[in-house]
Amino acid sequence: MHAMLFMAPAGGQSGGMSILLLQIGLIGAVFYFLILRPQSQARKKHAAMLEALKKNDTVITSGGLMGKVKGIKDDEVTIESGESVVVVHRARIVQVGDQAAQTPGA
């Protein structure tokens, strides 16, 4: 009786393993195409936007500050907003150019 418990079932065992591996592969592909790839593309687009940043561009920071670029030094950007001048880290800029110049509801 005990010997029957340890005996492998006849056939069908390898089919279950290949289906499991196929499912894991499909989950990995979905994860890559829905999460990793779009995030990587957005990161590259943001880096290209920051590389193209130049003086007198209109920008919006992640904190919501809107203004014109007055100077750029390494990773620091000087922004004039109204009558005040603010220095922010370059990575904190989220929009540049025409998108930042448009006001909502206008």
Foldseek 3Di string as FASTA:
>chain_A
DVVVVPDDDDDPPVVVVVVVVVVVVVVVVCCCVVPVVVVVVVVVVLVVVLVPDDFQKWWAFLVGQTFTFHDDDDQWTWGDGPNDIDIDGSSRTDDIHPVRPDDPPD
